[in-house]
Protein backbone atom coordinates (compact mmCIF):
# COMPACT_ATOMS: atom_id res chain seq x y z
CA MET A 1 89.84 -101.34 -62.65
CA PRO A 2 89.43 -99.81 -59.17
CA ASN A 3 92.17 -102.14 -57.93
CA TRP A 4 94.61 -100.63 -60.45
CA TRP A 5 93.68 -97.14 -59.21
CA GLU A 6 94.39 -98.18 -55.63
CA ARG A 7 97.77 -99.69 -56.54
CA ARG A 8 98.65 -96.53 -58.48
CA ALA A 9 97.70 -94.31 -55.52
CA GLN A 10 99.72 -96.56 -53.19
CA ARG A 11 102.80 -96.22 -55.45
CA GLU A 12 102.44 -92.44 -55.52
CA ARG A 13 102.24 -92.39 -51.71
CA GLU A 14 105.38 -94.55 -51.50
CA LEU A 15 107.28 -92.21 -53.83
CA ALA A 16 106.13 -89.21 -51.79
CA GLU A 17 107.39 -90.90 -48.61
CA GLY A 18 110.83 -91.35 -50.14
CA VAL A 19 110.80 -94.97 -51.25
CA ASP A 20 113.29 -95.36 -54.13
CA ALA A 21 114.56 -91.83 -53.47
CA ASP A 22 118.04 -92.75 -54.75
CA LEU A 23 116.59 -94.01 -58.05
CA VAL A 24 114.43 -90.91 -58.45
CA SER A 25 117.46 -88.69 -57.75
CA ALA A 26 119.62 -90.57 -60.27
CA ASN A 27 116.86 -90.28 -62.85
CA ARG A 28 116.59 -86.53 -62.28
CA LYS A 29 120.35 -86.28 -62.85
CA ARG A 30 119.93 -88.14 -66.16
CA TRP A 31 117.33 -85.59 -67.31
CA THR A 32 119.60 -82.72 -66.26
CA LEU A 33 122.71 -84.13 -67.91
CA GLY A 34 120.78 -84.81 -71.12
CA SER A 35 119.57 -81.21 -71.16
CA LYS A 36 123.06 -79.85 -70.58
CA LEU A 37 124.53 -82.00 -73.35
CA PHE A 38 121.81 -80.87 -75.75
CA VAL A 39 122.38 -77.19 -74.95
CA ILE A 40 126.15 -77.52 -75.39
CA GLY A 41 125.64 -79.29 -78.73
CA ALA A 42 123.20 -76.63 -79.90
CA LEU A 43 125.59 -73.86 -78.85
CA LEU A 44 128.41 -75.51 -80.78
CA LEU A 45 126.22 -75.67 -83.87
CA ALA A 46 125.24 -72.01 -83.43
CA ILE A 47 128.87 -70.91 -83.04
CA GLU A 48 129.84 -72.94 -86.08
CA TRP A 49 126.99 -71.41 -88.09
CA LEU A 50 127.76 -67.82 -87.06
CA TRP A 51 131.48 -67.84 -87.85
CA SER A 52 133.07 -69.11 -91.01
CA LEU A 53 135.58 -71.67 -89.82
CA PRO A 54 138.07 -73.70 -91.85
CA ARG A 55 136.62 -76.91 -93.25
CA TRP A 56 138.45 -79.25 -90.88
CA VAL A 57 137.34 -77.19 -87.84
CA HIS A 58 133.80 -77.20 -89.19
CA LEU A 59 133.86 -81.01 -89.45
CA VAL A 60 135.27 -81.42 -85.94
CA VAL A 61 132.78 -79.02 -84.34
CA ALA A 62 129.82 -80.48 -86.25
CA SER A 63 130.87 -84.02 -85.29
CA ILE A 64 131.20 -83.13 -81.62
CA ALA A 65 127.82 -81.36 -81.67
CA PHE A 66 126.22 -84.38 -83.36
CA VAL A 67 127.65 -86.77 -80.76
CA LEU A 68 126.47 -84.52 -77.90
CA ILE A 69 122.94 -84.24 -79.26
CA VAL A 70 122.67 -88.00 -79.91
CA THR A 71 124.00 -88.72 -76.41
CA ALA A 72 121.47 -86.28 -74.95
CA SER A 73 118.59 -88.01 -76.73
CA ILE A 74 119.79 -91.41 -75.48
CA ARG A 75 119.96 -90.08 -71.92
CA TRP A 76 116.45 -88.63 -72.26
CA LYS A 77 115.04 -91.93 -73.52
CA TRP A 78 116.76 -93.78 -70.68
CA ALA A 79 115.36 -91.34 -68.12
CA GLN A 80 111.91 -91.60 -69.70
CA ALA A 81 111.96 -95.41 -69.46
CA GLU A 82 113.21 -95.26 -65.86
CA GLN A 83 110.48 -92.77 -64.94
CA ALA A 84 107.82 -95.04 -66.45
CA PHE A 85 109.23 -97.97 -64.46
CA LEU A 86 109.39 -96.02 -61.20
CA GLY A 87 105.85 -94.72 -61.58
CA LYS A 88 104.36 -98.11 -62.38
CA PRO A 89 102.48 -99.70 -59.48
CA GLU A 90 103.22 -103.22 -58.27
CA ARG A 91 101.48 -105.91 -60.26
CA LYS A 92 98.52 -107.60 -58.72
CA ALA A 93 99.36 -111.05 -57.35
CA PRO A 94 98.07 -113.89 -59.52
CA PRO A 95 95.10 -115.81 -58.16
CA ILE A 96 95.94 -118.81 -56.01
CA LEU A 97 94.13 -121.98 -57.08
CA PHE A 98 95.15 -124.06 -54.08
CA LYS A 99 95.80 -122.61 -50.66
CA PRO A 100 99.05 -123.79 -49.14
CA ASP A 101 98.70 -125.67 -45.86
C-alpha cells in the first residue's frame, strides 16, 4: 500500500510540474464547454416555459434544449473519465522472474 501512495504522490508532482499540461488544458476546456452547453439549454427551456410559443416553435426549442443538455452531460462524462485517467499513477512494474543477462 505505501508503494501506491508514493506513485500517487509522484504523479501529482508530475502534474504540478506541467507534465501532460496540454491534456489537462483540453480537459478543462471540455468541462467549460459542457457547462456552457448546459446553461444555454437551461436558458432555452426557461424562455420556452415563460412565454407561450406556437406549438412548432415549442417543439423546436425543446428539441434544441434537449440536444444541448444531453451533449453537455456527454462532455462532462468524457472530462470525468479523462480526469480519472490523468490523475491515475503509473502502474507498478510486474515482478521479473528471470533477470535478463
